[in-house]
Amino acid sequence: MITGMLTRMRIPAMVLAAGLAGSLPALAPALAVAEPLSLKFNVDVGGMRAFKVYYEGSMDTGRYVASARIKPAGLASLFISRRMNMSVKGRLDRLQAHPRAFSMTTGKKKKTKTATVSWSGDRVATWKRNPPRGEARRKAIRQAIAGRRVVDPLSMLVEEGLKGPERFCTGTWRIFDGHTVYDLRLRRKGQGMDPATGVPVQRCRMTYVPVAGMSEKKKRKALASPPVFDVAFAQVQDRDVGIIRVPVSATGRLKGRPFHARLARGRLGGRPLEERIVRNR
């Protein structure tokens, strides 16, 4: 039952990691160095502890870096040894994130799949995957990313974090992680108290729509019932830039199994995240 669960959790885990990147403090043009952010999430699948997600990131006025790790936890660690690691570095310009280099590795220690992507401006310049995709899938990927703006999953929410409240969590993003191409459709779901953490949050619904790079069978299944994830963002007081959004929980279903991610530990600028949460808004 647990075998293969990490593969099934790939998209929500990537969405969560992207959400972590989106919480980086980067709203003040005069800011020289942003406060570092580190977060740890516990992820339950079907009511059972399955994974942990770790995030580290920082940015200043001209650049950003972010990394995320996903690993099995609890009973899942007894049955599977799959891991996922991703990282990105890029530049910031006029409230837009422009990735320069992204890498992602997934799989077991002795059997991994790696991918790297580089950009020139807003267009993908080069990408490489090991083991390589077949020509049919490579052609589909080339068609899906040609002539349009494409970003990696971490950079997507870096830019979302730069948006004002009117534009936050709206529109559709074309995402490429070196393995597959997919769209994420974002829609605001209002605000309220988060039952998992007891803090006021803003909710963002993310719908995954496959585009290219996966098998036709997986693509048909996902298109027939697109995975949907709700991510709750708490408002946090940053020392330099004021209010920022930090994800504190996420819920959804994938292949019939409910999953729930909850912030287990967080620090912003070296201080516990709970000390920085704004509770009177």
C-alpha atoms as a PDB file:
ATOM      1  CA  MET A   1       0.000   0.000   0.000  1.00  0.00           C
ATOM      2  CA  ILE A   2       2.831   2.385   0.875  1.00  0.00           C
ATOM      3  CA  THR A   3       5.165   1.299  -1.932  1.00  0.00           C
ATOM      4  CA  GLY A   4       5.253   3.911  -4.661  1.00  0.00           C
ATOM      5  CA  MET A   5       3.497   6.538  -2.527  1.00  0.00           C
ATOM      6  CA  LEU A   6       6.287   9.071  -2.962  1.00  0.00           C
ATOM      7  CA  THR A   7       5.857   8.908  -6.722  1.00  0.00           C
ATOM      8  CA  ARG A   8       2.128   9.496  -6.291  1.00  0.00           C
ATOM      9  CA  MET A   9       2.872  12.392  -3.957  1.00  0.00           C
ATOM     10  CA  ARG A  10       5.255  14.035  -6.423  1.00  0.00           C
ATOM     11  CA  ILE A  11       2.909  16.786  -7.592  1.00  0.00           C
ATOM     12  CA  PRO A  12       1.518  17.852  -4.187  1.00  0.00           C
ATOM     13  CA  ALA A  13       5.024  17.723  -2.723  1.00  0.00           C
ATOM     14  CA  MET A  14       6.287  19.963  -5.515  1.00  0.00           C
ATOM     15  CA  VAL A  15       3.332  22.281  -5.050  1.00  0.00           C
ATOM     16  CA  LEU A  16       4.064  22.498  -1.344  1.00  0.00           C
ATOM     17  CA  ALA A  17       7.744  23.158  -1.971  1.00  0.00           C
ATOM     18  CA  ALA A  18       6.798  25.833  -4.467  1.00  0.00           C
ATOM     19  CA  GLY A  19       4.514  27.322  -1.888  1.00  0.00           C
ATOM     20  CA  LEU A  20       7.417  27.487   0.538  1.00  0.00           C
ATOM     21  CA  ALA A  21       9.431  29.443  -1.982  1.00  0.00           C
ATOM     22  CA  GLY A  22       6.518  31.819  -2.426  1.00  0.00           C
ATOM     23  CA  SER A  23       6.719  32.907   1.197  1.00  0.00           C
ATOM     24  CA  LEU A  24      10.158  34.507   0.833  1.00  0.00           C
ATOM     25  CA  PRO A  25      10.273  38.161   1.945  1.00  0.00           C
ATOM     26  CA  ALA A  26      10.921  40.229  -1.179  1.00  0.00           C
ATOM     27  CA  LEU A  27       8.591  43.183  -1.370  1.00  0.00           C
ATOM     28  CA  ALA A  28      10.921  46.108  -0.654  1.00  0.00           C
ATOM     29  CA  PRO A  29      13.096  47.397  -3.528  1.00  0.00           C
ATOM     30  CA  ALA A  30      15.537  48.963  -1.045  1.00  0.00           C
ATOM     31  CA  LEU A  31      16.117  45.717   0.850  1.00  0.00           C
ATOM     32  CA  ALA A  32      19.743  44.594   0.645  1.00  0.00           C
ATOM     33  CA  VAL A  33      19.531  41.181   2.357  1.00  0.00           C
ATOM     34  CA  ALA A  34      16.320  39.339   3.198  1.00  0.00           C
ATOM     35  CA  GLU A  35      15.842  37.352   6.379  1.00  0.00           C
ATOM     36  CA  PRO A  36      16.529  33.638   5.806  1.00  0.00           C
ATOM     37  CA  LEU A  37      13.544  31.329   5.960  1.00  0.00           C
ATOM     38  CA  SER A  38      13.568  27.654   6.945  1.00  0.00           C
ATOM     39  CA  LEU A  39      10.504  25.397   7.217  1.00  0.00           C
ATOM     40  CA  LYS A  40       9.728  21.778   7.965  1.00  0.00           C
ATOM     41  CA  PHE A  41       6.407  20.096   7.138  1.00  0.00           C
ATOM     42  CA  ASN A  42       4.968  16.743   8.152  1.00  0.00           C
ATOM     43  CA  VAL A  43       2.821  15.105   5.465  1.00  0.00           C
ATOM     44  CA  ASP A  44       0.173  12.488   6.272  1.00  0.00           C
ATOM     45  CA  VAL A  45      -1.379  10.334   3.553  1.00  0.00           C
ATOM     46  CA  GLY A  46      -4.529   8.370   4.287  1.00  0.00           C
ATOM     47  CA  GLY A  47      -4.231   9.316   7.951  1.00  0.00           C
ATOM     48  CA  MET A  48      -0.692   7.928   8.250  1.00  0.00           C
ATOM     49  CA  ARG A  49       2.613   9.837   8.512  1.00  0.00           C
ATOM     50  CA  ALA A  50       4.323   9.430   5.141  1.00  0.00           C
ATOM     51  CA  PHE A  51       6.739  12.265   4.331  1.00  0.00           C
ATOM     52  CA  LYS A  52       8.671  15.256   5.575  1.00  0.00           C
ATOM     53  CA  VAL A  53       9.329  18.371   3.487  1.00  0.00           C
ATOM     54  CA  TYR A  54      12.242  20.711   4.255  1.00  0.00           C
ATOM     55  CA  TYR A  55      12.796  24.142   2.763  1.00  0.00           C
ATOM     56  CA  GLU A  56      15.619  26.711   2.881  1.00  0.00           C
ATOM     57  CA  GLY A  57      15.670  29.980   0.992  1.00  0.00           C
ATOM     58  CA  SER A  58      16.750  33.609   0.819  1.00  0.00           C
ATOM     59  CA  MET A  59      16.694  36.537  -1.563  1.00  0.00           C
ATOM     60  CA  ASP A  60      17.794  40.113  -1.943  1.00  0.00           C
ATOM     61  CA  THR A  61      16.732  42.818  -4.376  1.00  0.00           C
ATOM     62  CA  GLY A  62      18.437  41.229  -7.371  1.00  0.00           C
ATOM     63  CA  ARG A  63      18.527  37.487  -6.842  1.00  0.00           C
ATOM     64  CA  TYR A  64      17.021  34.513  -5.029  1.00  0.00           C
ATOM     65  CA  VAL A  65      17.962  30.958  -4.139  1.00  0.00           C
ATOM     66  CA  ALA A  66      15.719  28.189  -2.858  1.00  0.00           C
ATOM     67  CA  SER A  67      15.926  24.467  -2.182  1.00  0.00           C
ATOM     68  CA  ALA A  68      13.531  21.775  -0.999  1.00  0.00           C
ATOM     69  CA  ARG A  69      13.885  18.162   0.140  1.00  0.00           C
ATOM     70  CA  ILE A  70      11.171  15.537   0.413  1.00  0.00           C
ATOM     71  CA  LYS A  71      11.867  12.249   2.219  1.00  0.00           C
ATOM     72  CA  PRO A  72       9.795   9.345   3.611  1.00  0.00           C
ATOM     73  CA  ALA A  73       8.875   9.402   7.296  1.00  0.00           C
ATOM     74  CA  GLY A  74       7.122   7.175   9.780  1.00  0.00           C
ATOM     75  CA  LEU A  75       5.994   3.800   8.441  1.00  0.00           C
ATOM     76  CA  ALA A  76       6.692   4.911   4.883  1.00  0.00           C
ATOM     77  CA  SER A  77      10.424   4.961   5.615  1.00  0.00           C
ATOM     78  CA  LEU A  78      10.311   1.241   6.428  1.00  0.00           C
ATOM     79  CA  PHE A  79       9.031   0.357   2.960  1.00  0.00           C
ATOM     80  CA  ILE A  80      10.442   2.890   0.527  1.00  0.00           C
ATOM     81  CA  SER A  81      13.703   4.792   0.118  1.00  0.00           C
ATOM     82  CA  ARG A  82      12.707   7.319  -2.529  1.00  0.00           C
ATOM     83  CA  ARG A  83      13.759  10.929  -2.123  1.00  0.00           C
ATOM     84  CA  MET A  84      13.224  14.178  -3.974  1.00  0.00           C
ATOM     85  CA  ASN A  85      15.531  17.200  -4.038  1.00  0.00           C
ATOM     86  CA  MET A  86      15.216  20.398  -6.016  1.00  0.00           C
ATOM     87  CA  SER A  87      16.954  23.761  -6.085  1.00  0.00           C
ATOM     88  CA  VAL A  88      16.907  26.969  -8.077  1.00  0.00           C
ATOM     89  CA  LYS A  89      18.777  30.219  -8.389  1.00  0.00           C
ATOM     90  CA  GLY A  90      17.581  33.225 -10.314  1.00  0.00           C
ATOM     91  CA  ARG A  91      17.248  36.969 -10.479  1.00  0.00           C
ATOM     92  CA  LEU A  92      14.487  39.365  -9.497  1.00  0.00           C
ATOM     93  CA  ASP A  93      13.487  42.260 -11.726  1.00  0.00           C
ATOM     94  CA  ARG A  94      10.444  44.467 -11.296  1.00  0.00           C
ATOM     95  CA  LEU A  95       8.627  42.022  -9.042  1.00  0.00           C
ATOM     96  CA  GLN A  96       9.207  39.114 -11.426  1.00  0.00           C
ATOM     97  CA  ALA A  97      11.220  35.962 -10.782  1.00  0.00           C
ATOM     98  CA  HIS A  98      13.524  34.936 -13.621  1.00  0.00           C
ATOM     99  CA  PRO A  99      15.058  31.495 -13.002  1.00  0.00           C
ATOM    100  CA  ARG A 100      18.550  30.870 -14.320  1.00  0.00           C
ATOM    101  CA  ALA A 101      19.271  27.302 -13.248  1.00  0.00           C
ATOM    102  CA  PHE A 102      17.023  24.615 -11.760  1.00  0.00           C
ATOM    103  CA  SER A 103      17.817  21.028 -10.847  1.00  0.00           C
ATOM    104  CA  MET A 104      15.702  18.160  -9.598  1.00  0.00           C
ATOM    105  CA  THR A 105      16.581  14.628  -8.517  1.00  0.00           C
ATOM    106  CA  THR A 106      14.057  11.959  -7.594  1.00  0.00           C
ATOM    107  CA  GLY A 107      14.245   8.237  -6.902  1.00  0.00           C
ATOM    108  CA  LYS A 108      16.257   5.846  -4.750  1.00  0.00           C
ATOM    109  CA  LYS A 109      19.902   6.254  -3.772  1.00  0.00           C
ATOM    110  CA  LYS A 110      21.166   3.837  -6.434  1.00  0.00           C
ATOM    111  CA  LYS A 111      18.463   4.526  -9.016  1.00  0.00           C
ATOM    112  CA  THR A 112      17.731   8.200  -9.493  1.00  0.00           C
ATOM    113  CA  LYS A 113      16.292  10.404 -12.199  1.00  0.00           C
ATOM    114  CA  THR A 114      17.968  13.778 -12.538  1.00  0.00           C
ATOM    115  CA  ALA A 115      17.069  16.832 -14.580  1.00  0.00           C
ATOM    116  CA  THR A 116      18.529  20.293 -15.104  1.00  0.00           C
ATOM    117  CA  VAL A 117      17.017  23.330 -16.806  1.00  0.00           C
ATOM    118  CA  SER A 118      18.580  26.669 -17.753  1.00  0.00           C
ATOM    119  CA  TRP A 119      16.953  29.847 -19.053  1.00  0.00           C
ATOM    120  CA  SER A 120      17.752  32.734 -21.334  1.00  0.00           C
ATOM    121  CA  GLY A 121      15.383  35.515 -20.356  1.00  0.00           C
ATOM    122  CA  ASP A 122      11.940  33.985 -19.860  1.00  0.00           C
ATOM    123  CA  ARG A 123      12.536  31.108 -22.294  1.00  0.00           C
ATOM    124  CA  VAL A 124      14.024  27.706 -21.569  1.00  0.00           C
ATOM    125  CA  ALA A 125      17.491  27.644 -23.134  1.00  0.00           C
ATOM    126  CA  THR A 126      18.639  24.081 -22.380  1.00  0.00           C
ATOM    127  CA  TRP A 127      17.374  21.072 -20.488  1.00  0.00           C
ATOM    128  CA  LYS A 128      18.736  17.624 -19.824  1.00  0.00           C
ATOM    129  CA  ARG A 129      17.353  14.529 -18.156  1.00  0.00           C
ATOM    130  CA  ASN A 130      19.096  11.324 -17.111  1.00  0.00           C
ATOM    131  CA  PRO A 131      17.918   8.803 -18.139  1.00  0.00           C
ATOM    132  CA  PRO A 132      16.819  10.706 -21.251  1.00  0.00           C
ATOM    133  CA  ARG A 133      13.245  10.859 -22.459  1.00  0.00           C
ATOM    134  CA  GLY A 134      12.235   9.089 -25.659  1.00  0.00           C
ATOM    135  CA  GLU A 135      12.023  11.223 -28.778  1.00  0.00           C
ATOM    136  CA  ALA A 136       8.214  11.333 -28.748  1.00  0.00           C
ATOM    137  CA  ARG A 137       8.129  12.782 -25.236  1.00  0.00           C
ATOM    138  CA  ARG A 138      11.019  15.148 -25.970  1.00  0.00           C
ATOM    139  CA  LYS A 139       9.124  16.480 -28.974  1.00  0.00           C
ATOM    140  CA  ALA A 140       5.985  16.977 -26.887  1.00  0.00           C
ATOM    141  CA  ILE A 141       8.003  18.843 -24.245  1.00  0.00           C
ATOM    142  CA  ARG A 142       9.642  21.077 -26.856  1.00  0.00           C
ATOM    143  CA  GLN A 143       6.238  21.975 -28.260  1.00  0.00           C
ATOM    144  CA  ALA A 144       4.832  22.672 -24.800  1.00  0.00           C
ATOM    145  CA  ILE A 145       7.583  25.125 -23.813  1.00  0.00           C
ATOM    146  CA  ALA A 146       8.341  26.756 -27.181  1.00  0.00           C
ATOM    147  CA  GLY A 147       7.769  30.494 -27.538  1.00  0.00           C
ATOM    148  CA  ARG A 148       6.253  31.118 -24.133  1.00  0.00           C
ATOM    149  CA  ARG A 149       7.229  31.988 -20.602  1.00  0.00           C
ATOM    150  CA  VAL A 150       7.948  28.869 -18.542  1.00  0.00           C
ATOM    151  CA  VAL A 151       9.216  28.682 -14.954  1.00  0.00           C
ATOM    152  CA  ASP A 152      10.216  25.973 -12.502  1.00  0.00           C
ATOM    153  CA  PRO A 153       7.955  25.052  -9.534  1.00  0.00           C
ATOM    154  CA  LEU A 154      10.031  26.957  -6.960  1.00  0.00           C
ATOM    155  CA  SER A 155      10.287  30.176  -8.965  1.00  0.00           C
ATOM    156  CA  MET A 156       6.543  30.161  -9.608  1.00  0.00           C
ATOM    157  CA  LEU A 157       5.649  30.960  -6.033  1.00  0.00           C
ATOM    158  CA  VAL A 158       8.663  33.187  -5.529  1.00  0.00           C
ATOM    159  CA  GLU A 159       6.886  35.514  -7.923  1.00  0.00           C
ATOM    160  CA  GLU A 160       3.515  34.819  -6.332  1.00  0.00           C
ATOM    161  CA  GLY A 161       5.025  36.120  -3.103  1.00  0.00           C
ATOM    162  CA  LEU A 162       5.911  39.356  -4.879  1.00  0.00           C
ATOM    163  CA  LYS A 163       2.347  40.016  -6.017  1.00  0.00           C
ATOM    164  CA  GLY A 164       0.028  42.377  -4.220  1.00  0.00           C
ATOM    165  CA  PRO A 165      -3.158  41.112  -2.576  1.00  0.00           C
ATOM    166  CA  GLU A 166      -5.262  41.785  -5.686  1.00  0.00           C
ATOM    167  CA  ARG A 167      -3.156  39.516  -7.933  1.00  0.00           C
ATOM    168  CA  PHE A 168      -2.073  36.881  -5.427  1.00  0.00           C
ATOM    169  CA  CYS A 169      -3.215  33.343  -6.297  1.00  0.00           C
ATOM    170  CA  THR A 170      -4.799  34.074  -9.672  1.00  0.00           C
ATOM    171  CA  GLY A 171      -4.144  32.908 -13.234  1.00  0.00           C
ATOM    172  CA  THR A 172      -2.334  29.907 -14.717  1.00  0.00           C
ATOM    173  CA  TRP A 173       1.374  29.042 -14.704  1.00  0.00           C
ATOM    174  CA  ARG A 174       3.195  26.850 -17.236  1.00  0.00           C
ATOM    175  CA  ILE A 175       5.716  24.819 -15.196  1.00  0.00           C
ATOM    176  CA  PHE A 176       8.685  22.720 -16.365  1.00  0.00           C
ATOM    177  CA  ASP A 177      10.852  20.747 -13.922  1.00  0.00           C
ATOM    178  CA  GLY A 178      13.055  19.003 -16.494  1.00  0.00           C
ATOM    179  CA  HIS A 179      10.937  15.846 -16.216  1.00  0.00           C
ATOM    180  CA  THR A 180       7.421  16.993 -17.134  1.00  0.00           C
ATOM    181  CA  VAL A 181       5.476  20.062 -18.240  1.00  0.00           C
ATOM    182  CA  TYR A 182       2.244  20.964 -16.487  1.00  0.00           C
ATOM    183  CA  ASP A 183      -0.028  23.900 -15.774  1.00  0.00           C
ATOM    184  CA  LEU A 184      -1.018  25.079 -12.315  1.00  0.00           C
ATOM    185  CA  ARG A 185      -4.305  26.962 -12.173  1.00  0.00           C
ATOM    186  CA  LEU A 186      -4.602  29.192  -9.115  1.00  0.00           C
ATOM    187  CA  ARG A 187      -7.753  30.474  -7.472  1.00  0.00           C
ATOM    188  CA  ARG A 188      -8.279  32.259  -4.170  1.00  0.00           C
ATOM    189  CA  LYS A 189     -10.487  30.470  -1.662  1.00  0.00           C
ATOM    190  CA  GLY A 190     -10.989  33.245   0.861  1.00  0.00           C
ATOM    191  CA  GLN A 191      -9.638  33.549   4.359  1.00  0.00           C
ATOM    192  CA  GLY A 192     -10.350  32.354   7.884  1.00  0.00           C
ATOM    193  CA  MET A 193      -8.856  30.368  10.741  1.00  0.00           C
ATOM    194  CA  ASP A 194      -6.717  27.375   9.853  1.00  0.00           C
ATOM    195  CA  PRO A 195      -7.917  24.354  11.906  1.00  0.00           C
ATOM    196  CA  ALA A 196      -4.480  22.714  11.718  1.00  0.00           C
ATOM    197  CA  THR A 197      -2.553  25.612  13.256  1.00  0.00           C
ATOM    198  CA  GLY A 198      -5.186  27.906  14.761  1.00  0.00           C
ATOM    199  CA  VAL A 199      -3.934  31.014  12.958  1.00  0.00           C
ATOM    200  CA  PRO A 200      -5.673  33.293  10.428  1.00  0.00           C
ATOM    201  CA  VAL A 201      -4.837  32.322   6.845  1.00  0.00           C
ATOM    202  CA  GLN A 202      -5.487  33.087   3.186  1.00  0.00           C
ATOM    203  CA  ARG A 203      -6.375  30.003   1.130  1.00  0.00           C
ATOM    204  CA  CYS A 204      -5.149  29.292  -2.385  1.00  0.00           C
ATOM    205  CA  ARG A 205      -6.527  26.459  -4.539  1.00  0.00           C
ATOM    206  CA  MET A 206      -4.070  24.912  -7.029  1.00  0.00           C
ATOM    207  CA  THR A 207      -5.214  22.597  -9.801  1.00  0.00           C
ATOM    208  CA  TYR A 208      -2.635  20.423 -11.582  1.00  0.00           C
ATOM    209  CA  VAL A 209      -3.158  19.934 -15.334  1.00  0.00           C
ATOM    210  CA  PRO A 210      -0.630  17.685 -17.155  1.00  0.00           C
ATOM    211  CA  VAL A 211       0.749  18.877 -20.496  1.00  0.00           C
ATOM    212  CA  ALA A 212       3.763  16.834 -21.666  1.00  0.00           C
ATOM    213  CA  GLY A 213       6.513  14.460 -20.578  1.00  0.00           C
ATOM    214  CA  MET A 214       4.404  11.841 -18.818  1.00  0.00           C
ATOM    215  CA  SER A 215       2.908   8.687 -20.279  1.00  0.00           C
ATOM    216  CA  GLU A 216      -0.375   9.022 -22.156  1.00  0.00           C
ATOM    217  CA  LYS A 217      -2.030   6.748 -19.596  1.00  0.00           C
ATOM    218  CA  LYS A 218      -1.016   8.966 -16.672  1.00  0.00           C
ATOM    219  CA  LYS A 219      -1.957  12.068 -18.619  1.00  0.00           C
ATOM    220  CA  ARG A 220      -5.458  10.765 -19.410  1.00  0.00           C
ATOM    221  CA  LYS A 221      -6.062   9.819 -15.774  1.00  0.00           C
ATOM    222  CA  ALA A 222      -4.934  13.211 -14.506  1.00  0.00           C
ATOM    223  CA  LEU A 223      -6.993  15.077 -17.104  1.00  0.00           C
ATOM    224  CA  ALA A 224     -10.061  13.029 -16.213  1.00  0.00           C
ATOM    225  CA  SER A 225      -9.722  13.961 -12.546  1.00  0.00           C
ATOM    226  CA  PRO A 226      -7.161  16.767 -12.070  1.00  0.00           C
ATOM    227  CA  PRO A 227      -5.449  16.767  -8.648  1.00  0.00           C
ATOM    228  CA  VAL A 228      -6.539  19.771  -6.572  1.00  0.00           C
ATOM    229  CA  PHE A 229      -4.655  21.136  -3.560  1.00  0.00           C
ATOM    230  CA  ASP A 230      -5.630  23.824  -1.047  1.00  0.00           C
ATOM    231  CA  VAL A 231      -2.694  25.677   0.537  1.00  0.00           C
ATOM    232  CA  ALA A 232      -3.210  27.946   3.555  1.00  0.00           C
ATOM    233  CA  PHE A 233      -0.883  30.956   3.929  1.00  0.00           C
ATOM    234  CA  ALA A 234      -0.435  32.780   7.232  1.00  0.00           C
ATOM    235  CA  GLN A 235       0.600  36.417   7.330  1.00  0.00           C
ATOM    236  CA  VAL A 236       3.943  36.974   9.031  1.00  0.00           C
ATOM    237  CA  GLN A 237       5.692  40.156  10.107  1.00  0.00           C
ATOM    238  CA  ASP A 238       9.097  40.414   8.457  1.00  0.00           C
ATOM    239  CA  ARG A 239      11.666  42.702  10.047  1.00  0.00           C
ATOM    240  CA  ASP A 240      12.392  44.662   6.871  1.00  0.00           C
ATOM    241  CA  VAL A 241       9.497  44.353   4.434  1.00  0.00           C
ATOM    242  CA  GLY A 242       6.406  44.098   6.626  1.00  0.00           C
ATOM    243  CA  ILE A 243       3.714  41.478   6.001  1.00  0.00           C
ATOM    244  CA  ILE A 244       4.603  38.367   3.983  1.00  0.00           C
ATOM    245  CA  ARG A 245       2.750  35.095   3.368  1.00  0.00           C
ATOM    246  CA  VAL A 246       4.036  31.775   4.693  1.00  0.00           C
ATOM    247  CA  PRO A 247       2.307  28.421   3.996  1.00  0.00           C
ATOM    248  CA  VAL A 248       1.272  26.628   7.166  1.00  0.00           C
ATOM    249  CA  SER A 249      -0.846  23.748   5.845  1.00  0.00           C
ATOM    250  CA  ALA A 250      -2.031  22.033   2.662  1.00  0.00           C
ATOM    251  CA  THR A 251      -4.752  19.486   1.929  1.00  0.00           C
ATOM    252  CA  GLY A 252      -5.944  17.550  -1.104  1.00  0.00           C
ATOM    253  CA  ARG A 253      -6.572  14.156  -2.624  1.00  0.00           C
ATOM    254  CA  LEU A 254      -4.476  12.121  -5.021  1.00  0.00           C
ATOM    255  CA  LYS A 255      -5.576   8.775  -6.471  1.00  0.00           C
ATOM    256  CA  GLY A 256      -8.347   8.633  -3.913  1.00  0.00           C
ATOM    257  CA  ARG A 257      -6.088   9.158  -0.887  1.00  0.00           C
ATOM    258  CA  PRO A 258      -6.387  12.312   1.214  1.00  0.00           C
ATOM    259  CA  PHE A 259      -3.170  14.036   2.195  1.00  0.00           C
ATOM    260  CA  HIS A 260      -2.539  16.696   4.806  1.00  0.00           C
ATOM    261  CA  ALA A 261       0.643  18.729   5.220  1.00  0.00           C
ATOM    262  CA  ARG A 262       1.183  20.762   8.386  1.00  0.00           C
ATOM    263  CA  LEU A 263       3.976  23.088   9.415  1.00  0.00           C
ATOM    264  CA  ALA A 264       6.005  21.356  12.127  1.00  0.00           C
ATOM    265  CA  ARG A 265       8.782  23.903  12.539  1.00  0.00           C
ATOM    266  CA  GLY A 266       9.666  27.256  11.032  1.00  0.00           C
ATOM    267  CA  ARG A 267      12.153  30.052  11.521  1.00  0.00           C
ATOM    268  CA  LEU A 268      12.354  33.478   9.937  1.00  0.00           C
ATOM    269  CA  GLY A 269      15.439  35.598  10.470  1.00  0.00           C
ATOM    270  CA  GLY A 270      16.651  33.193  13.149  1.00  0.00           C
ATOM    271  CA  ARG A 271      13.462  33.478  15.229  1.00  0.00           C
ATOM    272  CA  PRO A 272      10.613  30.956  15.640  1.00  0.00           C
ATOM    273  CA  LEU A 273       7.988  31.576  12.988  1.00  0.00           C
ATOM    274  CA  GLU A 274       5.122  31.569  15.510  1.00  0.00           C
ATOM    275  CA  GLU A 275       6.568  34.745  17.036  1.00  0.00           C
ATOM    276  CA  ARG A 276       6.131  36.538  13.709  1.00  0.00           C
ATOM    277  CA  ILE A 277       2.565  35.488  12.822  1.00  0.00           C
ATOM    278  CA  VAL A 278       0.097  38.375  12.607  1.00  0.00           C
ATOM    279  CA  ARG A 279      -3.015  37.279  14.507  1.00  0.00           C
ATOM    280  CA  ASN A 280      -5.138  40.424  14.486  1.00  0.00           C
ATOM    281  CA  ARG A 281      -5.894  40.581  10.743  1.00  0.00           C
END
